[in-house]
PDB file of N, CA and C in Angstrom:
ATOM      1  N   MET A   1      68.247  31.748 106.333  1.00  0.00           N
ATOM      2  CA  MET A   1      68.334  32.315 107.755  1.00  0.00           C
ATOM      3  C   MET A   1      66.970  33.101 108.034  1.00  0.00           C
ATOM      4  N   LYS A   2      66.296  33.364 106.749  1.00  0.00           N
ATOM      5  CA  LYS A   2      64.994  34.053 106.888  1.00  0.00           C
ATOM      6  C   LYS A   2      64.079  33.544 107.923  1.00  0.00           C
ATOM      7  N   ASN A   3      63.929  32.284 108.233  1.00  0.00           N
ATOM      8  CA  ASN A   3      62.939  31.666 108.938  1.00  0.00           C
ATOM      9  C   ASN A   3      63.503  31.347 110.317  1.00  0.00           C
ATOM     10  N   LYS A   4      64.780  31.839 110.541  1.00  0.00           N
ATOM     11  CA  LYS A   4      65.455  31.443 111.790  1.00  0.00           C
ATOM     12  C   LYS A   4      65.020  32.558 112.908  1.00  0.00           C
ATOM     13  N   MET A   5      64.924  32.152 114.194  1.00  0.00           N
ATOM     14  CA  MET A   5      64.674  33.014 115.317  1.00  0.00           C
ATOM     15  C   MET A   5      65.752  33.998 115.409  1.00  0.00           C
ATOM     16  N   THR A   6      65.443  35.101 115.661  1.00  0.00           N
ATOM     17  CA  THR A   6      66.629  36.122 115.848  1.00  0.00           C
ATOM     18  C   THR A   6      67.536  35.981 116.847  1.00  0.00           C
ATOM     19  N   LYS A   7      66.889  35.334 117.931  1.00  0.00           N
ATOM     20  CA  LYS A   7      67.840  34.810 118.997  1.00  0.00           C
ATOM     21  C   LYS A   7      68.865  33.816 118.682  1.00  0.00           C
ATOM     22  N   ASN A   8      68.544  33.089 117.656  1.00  0.00           N
ATOM     23  CA  ASN A   8      69.365  31.963 117.253  1.00  0.00           C
ATOM     24  C   ASN A   8      70.547  32.223 116.223  1.00  0.00           C
ATOM     25  N   ILE A   9      70.542  33.638 115.852  1.00  0.00           N
ATOM     26  CA  ILE A   9      71.632  34.034 114.867  1.00  0.00           C
ATOM     27  C   ILE A   9      72.969  33.982 115.451  1.00  0.00           C
ATOM     28  N   THR A  10      73.980  33.358 114.742  1.00  0.00           N
ATOM     29  CA  THR A  10      75.363  33.138 115.053  1.00  0.00           C
ATOM     30  C   THR A  10      76.250  34.014 114.549  1.00  0.00           C
ATOM     31  N   ILE A  11      77.501  34.262 114.841  1.00  0.00           N
ATOM     32  CA  ILE A  11      78.350  34.859 114.206  1.00  0.00           C
ATOM     33  C   ILE A  11      78.599  34.277 112.666  1.00  0.00           C
ATOM     34  N   LYS A  12      78.662  32.995 112.529  1.00  0.00           N
ATOM     35  CA  LYS A  12      78.707  32.330 111.424  1.00  0.00           C
ATOM     36  C   LYS A  12      77.738  32.711 110.519  1.00  0.00           C
ATOM     37  N   ASP A  13      76.386  32.849 110.997  1.00  0.00           N
ATOM     38  CA  ASP A  13      75.345  33.420 110.012  1.00  0.00           C
ATOM     39  C   ASP A  13      75.650  34.760 109.654  1.00  0.00           C
ATOM     40  N   ILE A  14      76.116  35.734 110.429  1.00  0.00           N
ATOM     41  CA  ILE A  14      76.384  37.044 110.015  1.00  0.00           C
ATOM     42  C   ILE A  14      77.408  37.160 108.989  1.00  0.00           C
ATOM     43  N   ILE A  15      78.369  36.320 109.176  1.00  0.00           N
ATOM     44  CA  ILE A  15      79.658  36.256 108.150  1.00  0.00           C
ATOM     45  C   ILE A  15      78.996  35.700 106.744  1.00  0.00           C
ATOM     46  N   CYS A  16      78.287  34.719 106.844  1.00  0.00           N
ATOM     47  CA  CYS A  16      77.635  34.262 105.660  1.00  0.00           C
ATOM     48  C   CYS A  16      76.725  35.265 104.923  1.00  0.00           C
ATOM     49  N   SER A  17      76.050  36.072 105.679  1.00  0.00           N
ATOM     50  CA  SER A  17      75.352  37.050 105.166  1.00  0.00           C
ATOM     51  C   SER A  17      76.252  38.209 104.550  1.00  0.00           C
ATOM     52  N   ARG A  18      77.280  38.382 105.186  1.00  0.00           N
ATOM     53  CA  ARG A  18      78.363  39.418 104.669  1.00  0.00           C
ATOM     54  C   ARG A  18      78.880  38.880 103.291  1.00  0.00           C
ATOM     55  N   ILE A  19      79.142  37.631 103.213  1.00  0.00           N
ATOM     56  CA  ILE A  19      79.739  37.088 102.141  1.00  0.00           C
ATOM     57  C   ILE A  19      78.756  37.112 101.024  1.00  0.00           C
ATOM     58  N   ASN A  20      77.480  36.621 101.214  1.00  0.00           N
ATOM     59  CA  ASN A  20      76.363  36.687 100.239  1.00  0.00           C
ATOM     60  C   ASN A  20      76.358  38.130  99.718  1.00  0.00           C
ATOM     61  N   PHE A  21      76.223  39.193 100.782  1.00  0.00           N
ATOM     62  CA  PHE A  21      76.219  40.577 100.111  1.00  0.00           C
ATOM     63  C   PHE A  21      77.297  40.992  99.189  1.00  0.00           C
ATOM     64  N   LEU A  22      78.553  40.658  99.754  1.00  0.00           N
ATOM     65  CA  LEU A  22      79.746  41.022  98.671  1.00  0.00           C
ATOM     66  C   LEU A  22      79.530  40.274  97.443  1.00  0.00           C
ATOM     67  N   GLU A  23      79.124  39.105  97.474  1.00  0.00           N
ATOM     68  CA  GLU A  23      78.998  38.359  96.070  1.00  0.00           C
ATOM     69  C   GLU A  23      77.954  38.835  95.270  1.00  0.00           C
ATOM     70  N   ASN A  24      76.794  39.184  95.921  1.00  0.00           N
ATOM     71  CA  ASN A  24      75.568  39.432  94.977  1.00  0.00           C
ATOM     72  C   ASN A  24      75.037  40.767  95.147  1.00  0.00           C
ATOM     73  N   ASN A  25      75.384  41.909  95.857  1.00  0.00           N
ATOM     74  CA  ASN A  25      74.998  43.205  95.912  1.00  0.00           C
ATOM     75  C   ASN A  25      74.871  43.756  94.646  1.00  0.00           C
ATOM     76  N   TYR A  26      73.898  44.606  94.592  1.00  0.00           N
ATOM     77  CA  TYR A  26      73.780  45.642  93.308  1.00  0.00           C
ATOM     78  C   TYR A  26      73.782  46.967  93.662  1.00  0.00           C
ATOM     79  N   ILE A  27      74.249  47.331  94.755  1.00  0.00           N
ATOM     80  CA  ILE A  27      74.263  48.688  95.278  1.00  0.00           C
ATOM     81  C   ILE A  27      75.622  49.195  94.913  1.00  0.00           C
ATOM     82  N   PHE A  28      76.728  48.546  94.986  1.00  0.00           N
ATOM     83  CA  PHE A  28      77.987  49.173  94.653  1.00  0.00           C
ATOM     84  C   PHE A  28      78.617  48.540  93.272  1.00  0.00           C
ATOM     85  N   ASP A  29      79.297  49.251  92.745  1.00  0.00           N
ATOM     86  CA  ASP A  29      79.980  48.834  91.521  1.00  0.00           C
ATOM     87  C   ASP A  29      80.968  47.843  92.033  1.00  0.00           C
ATOM     88  N   LYS A  30      80.936  46.528  91.586  1.00  0.00           N
ATOM     89  CA  LYS A  30      81.766  45.402  92.158  1.00  0.00           C
ATOM     90  C   LYS A  30      83.038  45.646  91.427  1.00  0.00           C
ATOM     91  N   ASN A  31      83.161  46.092  90.310  1.00  0.00           N
ATOM     92  CA  ASN A  31      84.496  46.296  89.719  1.00  0.00           C
ATOM     93  C   ASN A  31      85.472  47.273  90.488  1.00  0.00           C
ATOM     94  N   GLU A  32      84.568  48.378  90.889  1.00  0.00           N
ATOM     95  CA  GLU A  32      85.388  49.440  91.512  1.00  0.00           C
ATOM     96  C   GLU A  32      85.753  48.930  93.007  1.00  0.00           C
ATOM     97  N   TYR A  33      85.286  48.038  93.508  1.00  0.00           N
ATOM     98  CA  TYR A  33      85.664  47.618  94.983  1.00  0.00           C
ATOM     99  C   TYR A  33      86.116  46.145  94.941  1.00  0.00           C
ATOM    100  N   LYS A  34      86.591  45.665  93.741  1.00  0.00           N
ATOM    101  CA  LYS A  34      86.923  44.153  93.529  1.00  0.00           C
ATOM    102  C   LYS A  34      88.120  43.783  94.519  1.00  0.00           C
ATOM    103  N   HIS A  35      89.128  44.608  94.606  1.00  0.00           N
ATOM    104  CA  HIS A  35      90.340  44.351  95.511  1.00  0.00           C
ATOM    105  C   HIS A  35      89.937  44.248  96.996  1.00  0.00           C
ATOM    106  N   ILE A  36      89.171  45.286  97.434  1.00  0.00           N
ATOM    107  CA  ILE A  36      88.640  45.327  98.693  1.00  0.00           C
ATOM    108  C   ILE A  36      87.791  44.178  99.057  1.00  0.00           C
ATOM    109  N   ASN A  37      86.779  43.886  98.004  1.00  0.00           N
ATOM    110  CA  ASN A  37      86.056  42.670  98.337  1.00  0.00           C
ATOM    111  C   ASN A  37      86.682  41.321  98.312  1.00  0.00           C
ATOM    112  N   LYS A  38      87.671  41.267  97.464  1.00  0.00           N
ATOM    113  CA  LYS A  38      88.527  40.229  97.443  1.00  0.00           C
ATOM    114  C   LYS A  38      89.052  39.865  98.879  1.00  0.00           C
ATOM    115  N   GLY A  39      89.690  40.725  99.382  1.00  0.00           N
ATOM    116  CA  GLY A  39      90.205  40.764 100.788  1.00  0.00           C
ATOM    117  C   GLY A  39      89.342  40.504 101.870  1.00  0.00           C
ATOM    118  N   GLU A  40      87.910  40.871 101.773  1.00  0.00           N
ATOM    119  CA  GLU A  40      87.016  40.720 102.792  1.00  0.00           C
ATOM    120  C   GLU A  40      86.584  39.164 102.713  1.00  0.00           C
ATOM    121  N   LEU A  41      86.405  38.799 101.438  1.00  0.00           N
ATOM    122  CA  LEU A  41      86.000  37.431 101.207  1.00  0.00           C
ATOM    123  C   LEU A  41      86.878  36.450 101.727  1.00  0.00           C
ATOM    124  N   GLU A  42      88.306  36.641 101.305  1.00  0.00           N
ATOM    125  CA  GLU A  42      89.396  35.896 101.732  1.00  0.00           C
ATOM    126  C   GLU A  42      89.255  35.727 103.271  1.00  0.00           C
ATOM    127  N   ALA A  43      89.206  36.705 103.916  1.00  0.00           N
ATOM    128  CA  ALA A  43      89.258  36.882 105.474  1.00  0.00           C
ATOM    129  C   ALA A  43      87.938  36.134 105.956  1.00  0.00           C
ATOM    130  N   TYR A  44      86.817  36.394 105.660  1.00  0.00           N
ATOM    131  CA  TYR A  44      85.704  35.839 105.981  1.00  0.00           C
ATOM    132  C   TYR A  44      85.570  34.295 105.809  1.00  0.00           C
ATOM    133  N   ARG A  45      86.185  33.709 104.766  1.00  0.00           N
ATOM    134  CA  ARG A  45      86.200  32.317 104.376  1.00  0.00           C
ATOM    135  C   ARG A  45      87.320  31.899 105.295  1.00  0.00           C
ATOM    136  N   GLU A  46      88.419  32.203 105.646  1.00  0.00           N
ATOM    137  CA  GLU A  46      89.145  31.861 106.631  1.00  0.00           C
ATOM    138  C   GLU A  46      88.696  31.882 108.082  1.00  0.00           C
ATOM    139  N   ILE A  47      87.904  32.745 108.220  1.00  0.00           N
ATOM    140  CA  ILE A  47      87.286  33.121 109.618  1.00  0.00           C
ATOM    141  C   ILE A  47      86.296  31.871 109.919  1.00  0.00           C
ATOM    142  N   LEU A  48      85.538  31.587 108.907  1.00  0.00           N
ATOM    143  CA  LEU A  48      84.531  30.603 108.867  1.00  0.00           C
ATOM    144  C   LEU A  48      85.055  29.240 109.261  1.00  0.00           C
ATOM    145  N   ILE A  49      86.287  28.920 108.658  1.00  0.00           N
ATOM    146  CA  ILE A  49      87.017  27.634 108.957  1.00  0.00           C
ATOM    147  C   ILE A  49      87.414  27.686 110.616  1.00  0.00           C
ATOM    148  N   ASP A  50      87.858  28.745 110.950  1.00  0.00           N
ATOM    149  CA  ASP A  50      88.376  29.022 112.273  1.00  0.00           C
ATOM    150  C   ASP A  50      87.487  28.904 113.349  1.00  0.00           C
ATOM    151  N   ILE A  51      86.397  29.531 113.046  1.00  0.00           N
ATOM    152  CA  ILE A  51      85.376  29.494 114.207  1.00  0.00           C
ATOM    153  C   ILE A  51      84.762  28.023 114.547  1.00  0.00           C
ATOM    154  N   GLU A  52      85.046  27.068 113.575  1.00  0.00           N
ATOM    155  CA  GLU A  52      84.748  25.787 113.814  1.00  0.00           C
ATOM    156  C   GLU A  52      85.781  25.020 114.616  1.00  0.00           C
ATOM    157  N   LEU A  53      86.981  25.574 114.597  1.00  0.00           N
ATOM    158  CA  LEU A  53      88.050  24.831 115.145  1.00  0.00           C
ATOM    159  C   LEU A  53      88.925  25.222 116.249  1.00  0.00           C
ATOM    160  N   ILE A  54      88.813  26.586 116.538  1.00  0.00           N
ATOM    161  CA  ILE A  54      89.706  27.174 117.544  1.00  0.00           C
ATOM    162  C   ILE A  54      88.843  27.805 118.605  1.00  0.00           C
ATOM    163  N   THR A  55      89.498  28.079 119.711  1.00  0.00           N
ATOM    164  CA  THR A  55      88.732  28.795 120.885  1.00  0.00           C
ATOM    165  C   THR A  55      88.778  30.251 120.580  1.00  0.00           C
ATOM    166  N   ILE A  56      87.986  30.874 121.340  1.00  0.00           N
ATOM    167  CA  ILE A  56      87.802  32.438 121.259  1.00  0.00           C
ATOM    168  C   ILE A  56      89.177  33.038 121.407  1.00  0.00           C
ATOM    169  N   ASP A  57      89.981  32.688 122.497  1.00  0.00           N
ATOM    170  CA  ASP A  57      91.126  33.065 122.877  1.00  0.00           C
ATOM    171  C   ASP A  57      92.348  32.834 121.629  1.00  0.00           C
ATOM    172  N   GLU A  58      92.221  31.591 121.175  1.00  0.00           N
ATOM    173  CA  GLU A  58      93.118  31.415 119.978  1.00  0.00           C
ATOM    174  C   GLU A  58      92.676  32.138 118.907  1.00  0.00           C
ATOM    175  N   PHE A  59      91.512  32.361 118.495  1.00  0.00           N
ATOM    176  CA  PHE A  59      90.897  33.125 117.442  1.00  0.00           C
ATOM    177  C   PHE A  59      91.500  34.615 117.666  1.00  0.00           C
ATOM    178  N   ILE A  60      91.187  35.040 118.761  1.00  0.00           N
ATOM    179  CA  ILE A  60      91.708  36.567 118.941  1.00  0.00           C
ATOM    180  C   ILE A  60      93.235  36.669 118.833  1.00  0.00           C
ATOM    181  N   GLU A  61      93.980  35.833 119.439  1.00  0.00           N
ATOM    182  CA  GLU A  61      95.299  35.921 119.441  1.00  0.00           C
ATOM    183  C   GLU A  61      95.919  35.779 117.890  1.00  0.00           C
ATOM    184  N   LYS A  62      95.298  34.758 117.092  1.00  0.00           N
ATOM    185  CA  LYS A  62      95.586  34.657 115.598  1.00  0.00           C
ATOM    186  C   LYS A  62      95.343  35.933 114.937  1.00  0.00           C
ATOM    187  N   TYR A  63      94.060  36.299 114.917  1.00  0.00           N
ATOM    188  CA  TYR A  63      93.504  37.457 114.085  1.00  0.00           C
ATOM    189  C   TYR A  63      94.264  38.779 114.571  1.00  0.00           C
ATOM    190  N   VAL A  64      94.456  38.976 115.955  1.00  0.00           N
ATOM    191  CA  VAL A  64      95.322  40.185 116.256  1.00  0.00           C
ATOM    192  C   VAL A  64      96.709  40.181 115.680  1.00  0.00           C
ATOM    193  N   GLY A  65      97.132  39.095 115.568  1.00  0.00           N
ATOM    194  CA  GLY A  65      98.657  38.874 114.974  1.00  0.00           C
ATOM    195  C   GLY A  65      98.466  39.207 113.539  1.00  0.00           C
ATOM    196  N   ILE A  66      97.493  38.752 112.755  1.00  0.00           N
ATOM    197  CA  ILE A  66      97.329  39.042 111.401  1.00  0.00           C
ATOM    198  C   ILE A  66      97.016  40.539 111.250  1.00  0.00           C
ATOM    199  N   LEU A  67      96.361  41.179 112.121  1.00  0.00           N
ATOM    200  CA  LEU A  67      96.094  42.564 111.923  1.00  0.00           C
ATOM    201  C   LEU A  67      97.527  43.302 112.196  1.00  0.00           C
ATOM    202  N   LYS A  68      98.379  42.997 113.042  1.00  0.00           N
ATOM    203  CA  LYS A  68      99.529  43.646 113.231  1.00  0.00           C
ATOM    204  C   LYS A  68     100.476  43.535 111.926  1.00  0.00           C
ATOM    205  N   ASN A  69     100.464  42.240 111.367  1.00  0.00           N
ATOM    206  CA  ASN A  69     101.150  42.146 110.167  1.00  0.00           C
ATOM    207  C   ASN A  69     100.702  42.907 108.976  1.00  0.00           C
ATOM    208  N   ILE A  70      99.472  42.924 108.852  1.00  0.00           N
ATOM    209  CA  ILE A  70      98.705  43.805 107.777  1.00  0.00           C
ATOM    210  C   ILE A  70      99.181  45.291 107.989  1.00  0.00           C
ATOM    211  N   SER A  71      99.067  45.724 109.169  1.00  0.00           N
ATOM    212  CA  SER A  71      99.382  47.191 109.594  1.00  0.00           C
ATOM    213  C   SER A  71     100.824  47.448 109.299  1.00  0.00           C
ATOM    214  N   LYS A  72     101.812  46.597 109.714  1.00  0.00           N
ATOM    215  CA  LYS A  72     103.198  46.657 109.028  1.00  0.00           C
ATOM    216  C   LYS A  72     103.263  46.883 107.582  1.00  0.00           C
ATOM    217  N   LYS A  73     102.654  45.817 106.785  1.00  0.00           N
ATOM    218  CA  LYS A  73     102.646  45.966 105.542  1.00  0.00           C
ATOM    219  C   LYS A  73     102.069  47.379 104.651  1.00  0.00           C
ATOM    220  N   LEU A  74     100.886  47.728 105.428  1.00  0.00           N
ATOM    221  CA  LEU A  74     100.169  48.942 104.891  1.00  0.00           C
ATOM    222  C   LEU A  74     101.164  50.129 105.326  1.00  0.00           C
ATOM    223  N   ASP A  75     101.915  50.169 106.373  1.00  0.00           N
ATOM    224  CA  ASP A  75     102.763  51.226 106.567  1.00  0.00           C
ATOM    225  C   ASP A  75     104.006  51.240 105.778  1.00  0.00           C
ATOM    226  N   ASP A  76     104.240  50.112 105.131  1.00  0.00           N
ATOM    227  CA  ASP A  76     105.271  50.049 104.059  1.00  0.00           C
ATOM    228  C   ASP A  76     104.781  49.910 102.742  1.00  0.00           C
ATOM    229  N   GLU A  77     103.620  50.796 102.506  1.00  0.00           N
ATOM    230  CA  GLU A  77     102.721  50.736 101.487  1.00  0.00           C
ATOM    231  C   GLU A  77     103.461  50.932 100.034  1.00  0.00           C
ATOM    232  N   TYR A  78     104.760  51.665 100.129  1.00  0.00           N
ATOM    233  CA  TYR A  78     105.425  51.900  98.939  1.00  0.00           C
ATOM    234  C   TYR A  78     105.964  50.473  98.302  1.00  0.00           C
ATOM    235  N   CYS A  79     105.922  49.508  99.136  1.00  0.00           N
ATOM    236  CA  CYS A  79     106.554  48.069  98.617  1.00  0.00           C
ATOM    237  C   CYS A  79     105.137  47.387  98.039  1.00  0.00           C
ATOM    238  N   LEU A  80     104.037  47.900  98.133  1.00  0.00           N
ATOM    239  CA  LEU A  80     102.918  47.350  97.581  1.00  0.00           C
ATOM    240  C   LEU A  80     102.284  48.265  96.584  1.00  0.00           C
ATOM    241  N   ASP A  81     101.671  47.322  95.464  1.00  0.00           N
ATOM    242  CA  ASP A  81     100.745  48.127  94.513  1.00  0.00           C
ATOM    243  C   ASP A  81      99.376  48.513  95.225  1.00  0.00           C
ATOM    244  N   ILE A  82      98.605  49.280  94.541  1.00  0.00           N
ATOM    245  CA  ILE A  82      97.465  49.952  95.009  1.00  0.00           C
ATOM    246  C   ILE A  82      96.438  48.684  95.197  1.00  0.00           C
ATOM    247  N   ASN A  83      96.338  47.916  94.423  1.00  0.00           N
ATOM    248  CA  ASN A  83      95.407  46.700  94.370  1.00  0.00           C
ATOM    249  C   ASN A  83      95.744  45.814  95.643  1.00  0.00           C
ATOM    250  N   GLU A  84      96.919  45.550  95.975  1.00  0.00           N
ATOM    251  CA  GLU A  84      97.316  44.943  96.987  1.00  0.00           C
ATOM    252  C   GLU A  84      96.976  45.536  98.362  1.00  0.00           C
ATOM    253  N   CYS A  85      97.188  46.738  98.232  1.00  0.00           N
ATOM    254  CA  CYS A  85      96.802  47.707  99.482  1.00  0.00           C
ATOM    255  C   CYS A  85      95.355  47.658  99.808  1.00  0.00           C
ATOM    256  N   GLU A  86      94.614  47.755  98.597  1.00  0.00           N
ATOM    257  CA  GLU A  86      93.003  47.560  98.791  1.00  0.00           C
ATOM    258  C   GLU A  86      92.722  46.251  99.333  1.00  0.00           C
ATOM    259  N   ARG A  87      93.284  45.053  98.675  1.00  0.00           N
ATOM    260  CA  ARG A  87      92.987  43.747  99.300  1.00  0.00           C
ATOM    261  C   ARG A  87      93.226  43.797 100.725  1.00  0.00           C
ATOM    262  N   LEU A  88      94.423  44.149 101.144  1.00  0.00           N
ATOM    263  CA  LEU A  88      94.778  44.096 102.578  1.00  0.00           C
ATOM    264  C   LEU A  88      93.930  44.862 103.400  1.00  0.00           C
ATOM    265  N   SER A  89      93.384  46.007 102.924  1.00  0.00           N
ATOM    266  CA  SER A  89      92.376  46.775 103.743  1.00  0.00           C
ATOM    267  C   SER A  89      91.120  45.963 103.905  1.00  0.00           C
ATOM    268  N   GLY A  90      90.577  45.400 102.795  1.00  0.00           N
ATOM    269  CA  GLY A  90      89.420  44.683 102.864  1.00  0.00           C
ATOM    270  C   GLY A  90      89.525  43.487 103.901  1.00  0.00           C
ATOM    271  N   TYR A  91      90.727  42.774 103.809  1.00  0.00           N
ATOM    272  CA  TYR A  91      90.969  41.592 104.886  1.00  0.00           C
ATOM    273  C   TYR A  91      91.047  42.144 106.019  1.00  0.00           C
ATOM    274  N   ASN A  92      91.762  43.344 106.318  1.00  0.00           N
ATOM    275  CA  ASN A  92      91.758  44.047 107.784  1.00  0.00           C
ATOM    276  C   ASN A  92      90.288  44.230 108.201  1.00  0.00           C
ATOM    277  N   ASN A  93      89.568  44.935 107.457  1.00  0.00           N
ATOM    278  CA  ASN A  93      88.214  45.528 107.826  1.00  0.00           C
ATOM    279  C   ASN A  93      87.363  44.246 108.250  1.00  0.00           C
ATOM    280  N   ALA A  94      87.315  43.086 107.535  1.00  0.00           N
ATOM    281  CA  ALA A  94      86.510  41.872 107.854  1.00  0.00           C
ATOM    282  C   ALA A  94      87.046  41.443 109.158  1.00  0.00           C
ATOM    283  N   ILE A  95      88.246  41.242 109.399  1.00  0.00           N
ATOM    284  CA  ILE A  95      88.830  40.839 110.824  1.00  0.00           C
ATOM    285  C   ILE A  95      88.233  41.786 112.022  1.00  0.00           C
ATOM    286  N   VAL A  96      88.437  43.130 111.657  1.00  0.00           N
ATOM    287  CA  VAL A  96      88.042  44.029 112.736  1.00  0.00           C
ATOM    288  C   VAL A  96      86.454  43.911 113.024  1.00  0.00           C
ATOM    289  N   PHE A  97      85.742  43.805 111.879  1.00  0.00           N
ATOM    290  CA  PHE A  97      84.359  43.664 112.002  1.00  0.00           C
ATOM    291  C   PHE A  97      83.999  42.422 112.875  1.00  0.00           C
ATOM    292  N   VAL A  98      84.594  41.096 112.642  1.00  0.00           N
ATOM    293  CA  VAL A  98      84.284  39.980 113.293  1.00  0.00           C
ATOM    294  C   VAL A  98      84.811  40.129 114.740  1.00  0.00           C
ATOM    295  N   LEU A  99      85.999  40.614 115.100  1.00  0.00           N
ATOM    296  CA  LEU A  99      86.462  40.837 116.319  1.00  0.00           C
ATOM    297  C   LEU A  99      85.605  41.860 117.270  1.00  0.00           C
ATOM    298  N   SER A 100      84.857  42.743 116.563  1.00  0.00           N
ATOM    299  CA  SER A 100      84.012  43.712 117.338  1.00  0.00           C
ATOM    300  C   SER A 100      82.757  42.847 117.551  1.00  0.00           C
ATOM    301  N   LEU A 101      82.362  42.049 116.885  1.00  0.00           N
ATOM    302  CA  LEU A 101      81.203  41.248 117.238  1.00  0.00           C
ATOM    303  C   LEU A 101      81.370  40.450 118.457  1.00  0.00           C
ATOM    304  N   ILE A 102      82.609  39.979 118.655  1.00  0.00           N
ATOM    305  CA  ILE A 102      82.972  39.311 119.963  1.00  0.00           C
ATOM    306  C   ILE A 102      82.921  40.197 121.099  1.00  0.00           C
ATOM    307  N   ASN A 103      83.736  41.299 120.792  1.00  0.00           N
ATOM    308  CA  ASN A 103      83.776  42.381 121.812  1.00  0.00           C
ATOM    309  C   ASN A 103      83.940  43.827 121.138  1.00  0.00           C
ATOM    310  N   PRO A 104      82.913  44.605 121.366  1.00  0.00           N
ATOM    311  CA  PRO A 104      83.143  45.936 120.611  1.00  0.00           C
ATOM    312  C   PRO A 104      84.283  46.659 120.994  1.00  0.00           C
ATOM    313  N   LEU A 105      85.095  46.521 122.213  1.00  0.00           N
ATOM    314  CA  LEU A 105      86.273  47.139 122.609  1.00  0.00           C
ATOM    315  C   LEU A 105      87.290  46.902 121.593  1.00  0.00           C
ATOM    316  N   TYR A 106      87.309  45.707 120.931  1.00  0.00           N
ATOM    317  CA  TYR A 106      88.422  45.198 120.115  1.00  0.00           C
ATOM    318  C   TYR A 106      88.566  46.374 118.971  1.00  0.00           C
ATOM    319  N   GLU A 107      87.570  46.993 118.462  1.00  0.00           N
ATOM    320  CA  GLU A 107      87.503  47.903 117.262  1.00  0.00           C
ATOM    321  C   GLU A 107      88.367  49.089 117.891  1.00  0.00           C
ATOM    322  N   TYR A 108      88.294  49.548 118.997  1.00  0.00           N
ATOM    323  CA  TYR A 108      88.970  50.738 119.551  1.00  0.00           C
ATOM    324  C   TYR A 108      90.363  50.400 120.083  1.00  0.00           C
ATOM    325  N   GLU A 109      90.496  49.198 120.850  1.00  0.00           N
ATOM    326  CA  GLU A 109      91.726  48.711 121.400  1.00  0.00           C
ATOM    327  C   GLU A 109      92.741  48.399 119.998  1.00  0.00           C
ATOM    328  N   LEU A 110      92.284  47.773 119.124  1.00  0.00           N
ATOM    329  CA  LEU A 110      93.098  47.406 117.988  1.00  0.00           C
ATOM    330  C   LEU A 110      93.689  48.655 117.360  1.00  0.00           C
ATOM    331  N   ASP A 111      92.717  49.687 117.214  1.00  0.00           N
ATOM    332  CA  ASP A 111      93.249  50.801 116.525  1.00  0.00           C
ATOM    333  C   ASP A 111      94.400  51.613 117.392  1.00  0.00           C
ATOM    334  N   SER A 112      94.133  51.680 118.643  1.00  0.00           N
ATOM    335  CA  SER A 112      95.275  52.143 119.395  1.00  0.00           C
ATOM    336  C   SER A 112      96.593  51.365 119.646  1.00  0.00           C
ATOM    337  N   ASN A 113      96.377  50.057 119.568  1.00  0.00           N
ATOM    338  CA  ASN A 113      97.528  48.972 119.710  1.00  0.00           C
ATOM    339  C   ASN A 113      98.197  49.057 118.375  1.00  0.00           C
ATOM    340  N   MET A 114      97.603  49.191 117.194  1.00  0.00           N
ATOM    341  CA  MET A 114      98.297  49.254 115.877  1.00  0.00           C
ATOM    342  C   MET A 114      99.280  50.513 115.788  1.00  0.00           C
ATOM    343  N   GLN A 115      98.923  51.468 116.508  1.00  0.00           N
ATOM    344  CA  GLN A 115      99.715  52.728 116.448  1.00  0.00           C
ATOM    345  C   GLN A 115     100.992  52.802 117.249  1.00  0.00           C
ATOM    346  N   SER A 116     100.994  51.741 118.241  1.00  0.00           N
ATOM    347  CA  SER A 116     102.295  51.841 119.127  1.00  0.00           C
ATOM    348  C   SER A 116     103.166  50.644 118.607  1.00  0.00           C
TER     349      SER A 116
END
């Protein structure tokens, strides 16, 4: 991606860059964030497949649905262990990040919709 023109950067490029950072960064203790990172990596890899196969509307519908399911699970966190909560939080954060790249309003609309 280093030699690519900035105007040609895609969401796929950004996601791949995030994956690379999570797998290779030296800034954060990987062990401390391993469950959060695991969730983020799972989401990013699933998203990379979906961005090749489905429309934006289908993508948004699918991932907003996933976020609602995650929100319910986290609300019932007494059923989950801490590692699972962290993994789901990472998964959630990755989805919100990508949806906000599509439309920054999603970051705020999702937050208010999850509370209702």
